């Protein structure tokens, strides 16, 4: 009798194990395993998010009312600026390379295709900024305080830098005429100071909005390749 009960218990136990195993297997088969996205998929997603954000920025620029701070496009880094600077002697400066000249032209094409209205264009006196302004917008006026800053090696240099910083704060806080944007073609010095950045890459643009009271805020940044994707 006891042996029969033992066999029944063993049989029931085995049946329960089989049922439990079947349930587990069925459950596992219904689980959808998700693979990790590929590098290409991650890049495409980031690019799509960037493009969406930049389209919002372009929508704002199309209405006017902003100051666009643009660093000159790509240059020949093997060339060096000779100190003291001779602004109109391009042979003693770092100049645009072929890609920089091409990018400047394409940026202008993008502005026109995207209907971004441009009023005043101010440029640093250096050849690379003047060339960028001319190739992009076909016109410019010289603003000496958009020039590259001196190295702070003497009290006079430090005084000059402080004065230029103040002047450039005023330039990016300008209130453009209705329906226009102001463009400043300059160097990376100011944004390194204003935004605590190490470097604004060549051709990149920072967009400022005046508060009408002498101050401004950064509302966005866009680089050439991002701009080219939008038109």
C-alpha atoms as a PDB file:
ATOM      1  CA  UNK A   1       0.000   0.000   0.000  1.00  0.00           C
ATOM      2  CA  UNK A   2       2.687   2.461   1.018  1.00  0.00           C
ATOM      3  CA  UNK A   3       4.678   1.490  -2.088  1.00  0.00           C
ATOM      4  CA  UNK A   4       1.655   2.264  -4.328  1.00  0.00           C
ATOM      5  CA  UNK A   5       1.176   5.677  -2.713  1.00  0.00           C
ATOM      6  CA  UNK A   6       4.872   6.387  -3.207  1.00  0.00           C
ATOM      7  CA  UNK A   7       4.639   5.503  -6.885  1.00  0.00           C
ATOM      8  CA  UNK A   8       1.576   7.758  -7.300  1.00  0.00           C
ATOM      9  CA  UNK A   9       3.384  10.675  -5.636  1.00  0.00           C
ATOM     10  CA  UNK A  10       6.395  10.137  -7.843  1.00  0.00           C
ATOM     11  CA  UNK A  11       4.226  10.049 -10.929  1.00  0.00           C
ATOM     12  CA  UNK A  12       2.364  13.214  -9.908  1.00  0.00           C
ATOM     13  CA  UNK A  13       5.680  14.961  -9.165  1.00  0.00           C
ATOM     14  CA  UNK A  14       7.053  14.023 -12.587  1.00  0.00           C
ATOM     15  CA  UNK A  15       3.862  15.218 -14.280  1.00  0.00           C
ATOM     16  CA  UNK A  16       4.067  18.549 -12.418  1.00  0.00           C
ATOM     17  CA  UNK A  17       7.681  18.968 -13.508  1.00  0.00           C
ATOM     18  CA  UNK A  18       6.726  18.271 -17.108  1.00  0.00           C
ATOM     19  CA  UNK A  19       3.851  20.782 -16.957  1.00  0.00           C
ATOM     20  CA  UNK A  20       6.100  23.424 -15.372  1.00  0.00           C
ATOM     21  CA  UNK A  21       8.778  22.850 -18.015  1.00  0.00           C
ATOM     22  CA  UNK A  22       6.192  23.189 -20.789  1.00  0.00           C
ATOM     23  CA  UNK A  23       4.908  26.482 -19.347  1.00  0.00           C
ATOM     24  CA  UNK A  24       8.442  27.851 -19.110  1.00  0.00           C
ATOM     25  CA  UNK A  25       9.240  26.812 -22.689  1.00  0.00           C
ATOM     26  CA  UNK A  26       6.014  28.367 -23.997  1.00  0.00           C
ATOM     27  CA  UNK A  27       6.755  31.571 -22.092  1.00  0.00           C
ATOM     28  CA  UNK A  28      10.282  31.751 -23.409  1.00  0.00           C
ATOM     29  CA  UNK A  29       9.132  31.234 -26.968  1.00  0.00           C
ATOM     30  CA  UNK A  30       6.808  34.262 -26.663  1.00  0.00           C
ATOM     31  CA  UNK A  31       9.556  36.632 -25.483  1.00  0.00           C
ATOM     32  CA  UNK A  32      10.609  39.113 -28.163  1.00  0.00           C
ATOM     33  CA  UNK A  33      14.326  39.662 -27.958  1.00  0.00           C
ATOM     34  CA  UNK A  34      15.357  43.106 -29.234  1.00  0.00           C
ATOM     35  CA  UNK A  35      18.739  43.494 -30.848  1.00  0.00           C
ATOM     36  CA  UNK A  36      20.959  46.434 -30.149  1.00  0.00           C
ATOM     37  CA  UNK A  37      20.669  49.171 -32.816  1.00  0.00           C
ATOM     38  CA  UNK A  38      23.554  49.338 -35.248  1.00  0.00           C
ATOM     39  CA  UNK A  39      25.969  52.266 -35.346  1.00  0.00           C
ATOM     40  CA  UNK A  40      24.377  53.385 -38.615  1.00  0.00           C
ATOM     41  CA  UNK A  41      20.914  53.380 -37.042  1.00  0.00           C
ATOM     42  CA  UNK A  42      22.136  55.377 -34.037  1.00  0.00           C
ATOM     43  CA  UNK A  43      23.810  57.944 -36.303  1.00  0.00           C
ATOM     44  CA  UNK A  44      20.705  58.247 -38.488  1.00  0.00           C
ATOM     45  CA  UNK A  45      18.498  58.779 -35.437  1.00  0.00           C
ATOM     46  CA  UNK A  46      20.807  61.472 -34.057  1.00  0.00           C
ATOM     47  CA  UNK A  47      20.951  63.139 -37.458  1.00  0.00           C
ATOM     48  CA  UNK A  48      17.161  63.146 -37.743  1.00  0.00           C
ATOM     49  CA  UNK A  49      16.845  64.715 -34.285  1.00  0.00           C
ATOM     50  CA  UNK A  50      19.445  67.355 -35.160  1.00  0.00           C
ATOM     51  CA  UNK A  51      17.719  68.135 -38.455  1.00  0.00           C
ATOM     52  CA  UNK A  52      14.356  68.555 -36.730  1.00  0.00           C
ATOM     53  CA  UNK A  53      15.881  70.938 -34.211  1.00  0.00           C
ATOM     54  CA  UNK A  54      17.642  72.903 -36.949  1.00  0.00           C
ATOM     55  CA  UNK A  55      14.444  73.212 -38.975  1.00  0.00           C
ATOM     56  CA  UNK A  56      12.884  74.945 -35.981  1.00  0.00           C
ATOM     57  CA  UNK A  57      15.875  77.290 -35.894  1.00  0.00           C
ATOM     58  CA  UNK A  58      15.545  78.007 -39.637  1.00  0.00           C
ATOM     59  CA  UNK A  59      11.845  78.799 -39.140  1.00  0.00           C
ATOM     60  CA  UNK A  60      12.880  81.477 -36.644  1.00  0.00           C
ATOM     61  CA  UNK A  61      15.581  82.908 -38.905  1.00  0.00           C
ATOM     62  CA  UNK A  62      13.122  83.162 -41.795  1.00  0.00           C
ATOM     63  CA  UNK A  63      11.158  85.707 -39.758  1.00  0.00           C
ATOM     64  CA  UNK A  64      14.252  87.813 -39.043  1.00  0.00           C
ATOM     65  CA  UNK A  65      15.282  89.452 -35.791  1.00  0.00           C
ATOM     66  CA  UNK A  66      18.500  87.545 -35.039  1.00  0.00           C
ATOM     67  CA  UNK A  67      22.242  88.092 -35.084  1.00  0.00           C
ATOM     68  CA  UNK A  68      24.144  85.273 -36.796  1.00  0.00           C
ATOM     69  CA  UNK A  69      27.730  84.988 -35.579  1.00  0.00           C
ATOM     70  CA  UNK A  70      29.627  83.021 -38.217  1.00  0.00           C
ATOM     71  CA  UNK A  71      33.199  81.854 -38.008  1.00  0.00           C
ATOM     72  CA  UNK A  72      35.066  81.973 -41.322  1.00  0.00           C
ATOM     73  CA  UNK A  73      35.028  78.724 -43.278  1.00  0.00           C
ATOM     74  CA  UNK A  74      37.872  76.215 -43.515  1.00  0.00           C
ATOM     75  CA  UNK A  75      41.439  77.488 -43.796  1.00  0.00           C
ATOM     76  CA  UNK A  76      44.975  76.368 -44.614  1.00  0.00           C
ATOM     77  CA  UNK A  77      46.382  75.665 -41.162  1.00  0.00           C
ATOM     78  CA  UNK A  78      49.911  75.350 -42.516  1.00  0.00           C
ATOM     79  CA  UNK A  79      49.782  79.102 -43.096  1.00  0.00           C
ATOM     80  CA  UNK A  80      50.346  81.396 -40.123  1.00  0.00           C
ATOM     81  CA  UNK A  81      49.282  84.934 -39.296  1.00  0.00           C
ATOM     82  CA  UNK A  82      52.274  87.233 -39.124  1.00  0.00           C
ATOM     83  CA  UNK A  83      52.361  89.568 -36.121  1.00  0.00           C
ATOM     84  CA  UNK A  84      51.872  92.501 -36.184  1.00  0.00           C
ATOM     85  CA  UNK A  85      48.840  91.815 -38.358  1.00  0.00           C
ATOM     86  CA  UNK A  86      48.688  93.387 -41.805  1.00  0.00           C
ATOM     87  CA  UNK A  87      45.023  92.946 -42.595  1.00  0.00           C
ATOM     88  CA  UNK A  88      45.186  93.620 -46.326  1.00  0.00           C
ATOM     89  CA  UNK A  89      48.284  91.561 -47.062  1.00  0.00           C
ATOM     90  CA  UNK A  90      46.812  88.092 -47.502  1.00  0.00           C
ATOM     91  CA  UNK A  91      50.257  86.581 -48.055  1.00  0.00           C
ATOM     92  CA  UNK A  92      50.950  87.103 -44.337  1.00  0.00           C
ATOM     93  CA  UNK A  93      47.771  85.439 -43.096  1.00  0.00           C
ATOM     94  CA  UNK A  94      46.041  82.078 -42.858  1.00  0.00           C
ATOM     95  CA  UNK A  95      43.629  81.939 -45.783  1.00  0.00           C
ATOM     96  CA  UNK A  96      40.669  79.865 -46.915  1.00  0.00           C
ATOM     97  CA  UNK A  97      41.474  76.562 -48.596  1.00  0.00           C
ATOM     98  CA  UNK A  98      39.488  75.211 -51.565  1.00  0.00           C
ATOM     99  CA  UNK A  99      36.986  73.471 -49.283  1.00  0.00           C
ATOM    100  CA  UNK A 100      36.522  76.668 -47.293  1.00  0.00           C
ATOM    101  CA  UNK A 101      35.771  78.659 -50.428  1.00  0.00           C
ATOM    102  CA  UNK A 102      33.359  75.999 -51.655  1.00  0.00           C
ATOM    103  CA  UNK A 103      31.591  75.846 -48.270  1.00  0.00           C
ATOM    104  CA  UNK A 104      31.207  79.628 -48.184  1.00  0.00           C
ATOM    105  CA  UNK A 105      29.487  79.567 -51.586  1.00  0.00           C
ATOM    106  CA  UNK A 106      27.209  76.700 -50.512  1.00  0.00           C
ATOM    107  CA  UNK A 107      26.257  78.452 -47.279  1.00  0.00           C
ATOM    108  CA  UNK A 108      25.117  81.417 -49.349  1.00  0.00           C
ATOM    109  CA  UNK A 109      23.116  79.098 -51.599  1.00  0.00           C
ATOM    110  CA  UNK A 110      21.503  77.534 -48.516  1.00  0.00           C
ATOM    111  CA  UNK A 111      20.526  80.932 -47.088  1.00  0.00           C
ATOM    112  CA  UNK A 112      18.859  81.881 -50.359  1.00  0.00           C
ATOM    113  CA  UNK A 113      17.160  78.501 -50.850  1.00  0.00           C
ATOM    114  CA  UNK A 114      15.838  78.566 -47.295  1.00  0.00           C
ATOM    115  CA  UNK A 115      14.650  82.188 -47.588  1.00  0.00           C
ATOM    116  CA  UNK A 116      16.741  83.442 -44.672  1.00  0.00           C
ATOM    117  CA  UNK A 117      16.721  87.238 -44.964  1.00  0.00           C
ATOM    118  CA  UNK A 118      20.086  88.920 -44.448  1.00  0.00           C
ATOM    119  CA  UNK A 119      20.527  92.641 -43.925  1.00  0.00           C
ATOM    120  CA  UNK A 120      23.787  94.029 -42.617  1.00  0.00           C
ATOM    121  CA  UNK A 121      26.891  91.857 -43.006  1.00  0.00           C
ATOM    122  CA  UNK A 122      29.886  92.859 -40.888  1.00  0.00           C
ATOM    123  CA  UNK A 123      33.296  91.239 -41.240  1.00  0.00           C
ATOM    124  CA  UNK A 124      36.589  91.113 -39.433  1.00  0.00           C
ATOM    125  CA  UNK A 125      39.337  92.778 -41.501  1.00  0.00           C
ATOM    126  CA  UNK A 126      41.286  89.530 -41.974  1.00  0.00           C
ATOM    127  CA  UNK A 127      41.371  88.096 -45.501  1.00  0.00           C
ATOM    128  CA  UNK A 128      39.742  84.783 -44.499  1.00  0.00           C
ATOM    129  CA  UNK A 129      36.718  86.523 -42.980  1.00  0.00           C
ATOM    130  CA  UNK A 130      36.360  89.031 -45.798  1.00  0.00           C
ATOM    131  CA  UNK A 131      36.572  86.215 -48.358  1.00  0.00           C
ATOM    132  CA  UNK A 132      33.980  84.204 -46.449  1.00  0.00           C
ATOM    133  CA  UNK A 133      31.594  87.163 -46.322  1.00  0.00           C
ATOM    134  CA  UNK A 134      32.081  87.976 -50.002  1.00  0.00           C
ATOM    135  CA  UNK A 135      31.657  84.385 -51.205  1.00  0.00           C
ATOM    136  CA  UNK A 136      28.638  83.773 -48.960  1.00  0.00           C
ATOM    137  CA  UNK A 137      26.713  87.028 -49.100  1.00  0.00           C
ATOM    138  CA  UNK A 138      28.377  89.021 -51.879  1.00  0.00           C
ATOM    139  CA  UNK A 139      28.915  92.042 -49.651  1.00  0.00           C
ATOM    140  CA  UNK A 140      30.192  93.178 -46.275  1.00  0.00           C
ATOM    141  CA  UNK A 141      31.337  96.146 -44.231  1.00  0.00           C
ATOM    142  CA  UNK A 142      34.486  96.014 -42.136  1.00  0.00           C
ATOM    143  CA  UNK A 143      34.086  96.019 -38.351  1.00  0.00           C
ATOM    144  CA  UNK A 144      37.518  96.201 -36.766  1.00  0.00           C
ATOM    145  CA  UNK A 145      36.309  94.856 -33.418  1.00  0.00           C
ATOM    146  CA  UNK A 146      35.400  91.542 -35.064  1.00  0.00           C
ATOM    147  CA  UNK A 147      39.086  90.886 -35.638  1.00  0.00           C
ATOM    148  CA  UNK A 148      41.083  88.117 -34.044  1.00  0.00           C
ATOM    149  CA  UNK A 149      42.116  89.042 -30.516  1.00  0.00           C
ATOM    150  CA  UNK A 150      45.748  89.628 -29.512  1.00  0.00           C
ATOM    151  CA  UNK A 151      47.435  87.309 -27.061  1.00  0.00           C
ATOM    152  CA  UNK A 152      47.205  88.669 -23.522  1.00  0.00           C
ATOM    153  CA  UNK A 153      50.935  89.201 -23.108  1.00  0.00           C
ATOM    154  CA  UNK A 154      50.925  92.785 -21.852  1.00  0.00           C
ATOM    155  CA  UNK A 155      48.559  95.002 -19.845  1.00  0.00           C
ATOM    156  CA  UNK A 156      47.808  96.835 -23.094  1.00  0.00           C
ATOM    157  CA  UNK A 157      46.779  93.553 -24.751  1.00  0.00           C
ATOM    158  CA  UNK A 158      44.516  92.688 -21.830  1.00  0.00           C
ATOM    159  CA  UNK A 159      42.927  96.122 -21.993  1.00  0.00           C
ATOM    160  CA  UNK A 160      42.324  95.693 -25.726  1.00  0.00           C
ATOM    161  CA  UNK A 161      40.727  92.280 -25.223  1.00  0.00           C
ATOM    162  CA  UNK A 162      38.368  93.599 -22.545  1.00  0.00           C
ATOM    163  CA  UNK A 163      37.335  96.469 -24.791  1.00  0.00           C
ATOM    164  CA  UNK A 164      36.711  94.144 -27.745  1.00  0.00           C
ATOM    165  CA  UNK A 165      34.673  91.786 -25.582  1.00  0.00           C
ATOM    166  CA  UNK A 166      32.434  94.663 -24.529  1.00  0.00           C
ATOM    167  CA  UNK A 167      32.048  95.822 -28.113  1.00  0.00           C
ATOM    168  CA  UNK A 168      31.218  92.327 -29.339  1.00  0.00           C
ATOM    169  CA  UNK A 169      28.640  91.933 -26.578  1.00  0.00           C
ATOM    170  CA  UNK A 170      27.042  95.035 -28.077  1.00  0.00           C
ATOM    171  CA  UNK A 171      27.258  93.664 -31.627  1.00  0.00           C
ATOM    172  CA  UNK A 172      25.478  90.379 -30.844  1.00  0.00           C
ATOM    173  CA  UNK A 173      22.835  92.271 -28.853  1.00  0.00           C
ATOM    174  CA  UNK A 174      21.819  94.425 -31.826  1.00  0.00           C
ATOM    175  CA  UNK A 175      18.158  94.589 -32.758  1.00  0.00           C
ATOM    176  CA  UNK A 176      17.963  94.031 -36.526  1.00  0.00           C
ATOM    177  CA  UNK A 177      15.447  95.915 -38.669  1.00  0.00           C
ATOM    178  CA  UNK A 178      12.120  94.123 -38.957  1.00  0.00           C
ATOM    179  CA  UNK A 179      12.299  91.067 -41.192  1.00  0.00           C
ATOM    180  CA  UNK A 180      16.108  90.994 -41.360  1.00  0.00           C
ATOM    181  CA  UNK A 181      18.990  89.180 -39.708  1.00  0.00           C
ATOM    182  CA  UNK A 182      22.437  90.645 -39.065  1.00  0.00           C
ATOM    183  CA  UNK A 183      25.499  88.538 -39.882  1.00  0.00           C
ATOM    184  CA  UNK A 184      28.858  88.902 -38.130  1.00  0.00           C
ATOM    185  CA  UNK A 185      31.740  87.067 -39.840  1.00  0.00           C
ATOM    186  CA  UNK A 186      34.531  86.692 -37.330  1.00  0.00           C
ATOM    187  CA  UNK A 187      36.814  84.298 -35.458  1.00  0.00           C
ATOM    188  CA  UNK A 188      36.365  81.837 -32.591  1.00  0.00           C
ATOM    189  CA  UNK A 189      37.763  84.087 -29.850  1.00  0.00           C
ATOM    190  CA  UNK A 190      34.478  85.676 -28.827  1.00  0.00           C
ATOM    191  CA  UNK A 191      32.468  82.492 -28.537  1.00  0.00           C
ATOM    192  CA  UNK A 192      35.249  80.786 -26.606  1.00  0.00           C
ATOM    193  CA  UNK A 193      34.793  83.578 -24.085  1.00  0.00           C
ATOM    194  CA  UNK A 194      31.017  84.002 -24.293  1.00  0.00           C
ATOM    195  CA  UNK A 195      30.051  80.324 -24.304  1.00  0.00           C
ATOM    196  CA  UNK A 196      33.039  78.906 -22.421  1.00  0.00           C
ATOM    197  CA  UNK A 197      33.909  76.820 -25.462  1.00  0.00           C
ATOM    198  CA  UNK A 198      37.352  75.635 -26.449  1.00  0.00           C
ATOM    199  CA  UNK A 199      36.690  76.208 -30.115  1.00  0.00           C
ATOM    200  CA  UNK A 200      33.937  77.036 -32.569  1.00  0.00           C
ATOM    201  CA  UNK A 201      34.744  74.976 -35.653  1.00  0.00           C
ATOM    202  CA  UNK A 202      35.347  76.786 -38.928  1.00  0.00           C
ATOM    203  CA  UNK A 203      32.143  77.691 -40.738  1.00  0.00           C
ATOM    204  CA  UNK A 204      29.940  77.118 -37.711  1.00  0.00           C
ATOM    205  CA  UNK A 205      27.263  79.646 -36.807  1.00  0.00           C
ATOM    206  CA  UNK A 206      25.875  80.738 -33.444  1.00  0.00           C
ATOM    207  CA  UNK A 207      22.488  82.458 -33.400  1.00  0.00           C
ATOM    208  CA  UNK A 208      21.777  85.226 -30.882  1.00  0.00           C
ATOM    209  CA  UNK A 209      18.545  86.993 -29.976  1.00  0.00           C
ATOM    210  CA  UNK A 210      18.533  90.463 -28.456  1.00  0.00           C
ATOM    211  CA  UNK A 211      16.386  91.117 -25.401  1.00  0.00           C
ATOM    212  CA  UNK A 212      16.013  94.733 -26.475  1.00  0.00           C
ATOM    213  CA  UNK A 213      17.858  95.968 -23.416  1.00  0.00           C
ATOM    214  CA  UNK A 214      21.462  95.574 -24.481  1.00  0.00           C
ATOM    215  CA  UNK A 215      21.817  91.859 -23.753  1.00  0.00           C
ATOM    216  CA  UNK A 216      21.362  88.729 -25.838  1.00  0.00           C
ATOM    217  CA  UNK A 217      20.897  84.995 -25.514  1.00  0.00           C
ATOM    218  CA  UNK A 218      22.155  82.108 -27.606  1.00  0.00           C
ATOM    219  CA  UNK A 219      19.191  80.382 -29.267  1.00  0.00           C
ATOM    220  CA  UNK A 220      21.020  77.797 -31.352  1.00  0.00           C
ATOM    221  CA  UNK A 221      24.069  76.723 -33.310  1.00  0.00           C
ATOM    222  CA  UNK A 222      24.367  75.144 -36.742  1.00  0.00           C
ATOM    223  CA  UNK A 223      27.290  73.867 -38.782  1.00  0.00           C
ATOM    224  CA  UNK A 224      27.642  73.898 -42.587  1.00  0.00           C
ATOM    225  CA  UNK A 225      26.915  70.208 -43.198  1.00  0.00           C
ATOM    226  CA  UNK A 226      23.760  70.443 -41.074  1.00  0.00           C
ATOM    227  CA  UNK A 227      22.633  73.495 -43.030  1.00  0.00           C
ATOM    228  CA  UNK A 228      23.273  71.785 -46.369  1.00  0.00           C
ATOM    229  CA  UNK A 229      20.996  68.878 -45.418  1.00  0.00           C
ATOM    230  CA  UNK A 230      18.018  71.199 -45.017  1.00  0.00           C
ATOM    231  CA  UNK A 231      17.609  72.386 -48.610  1.00  0.00           C
END
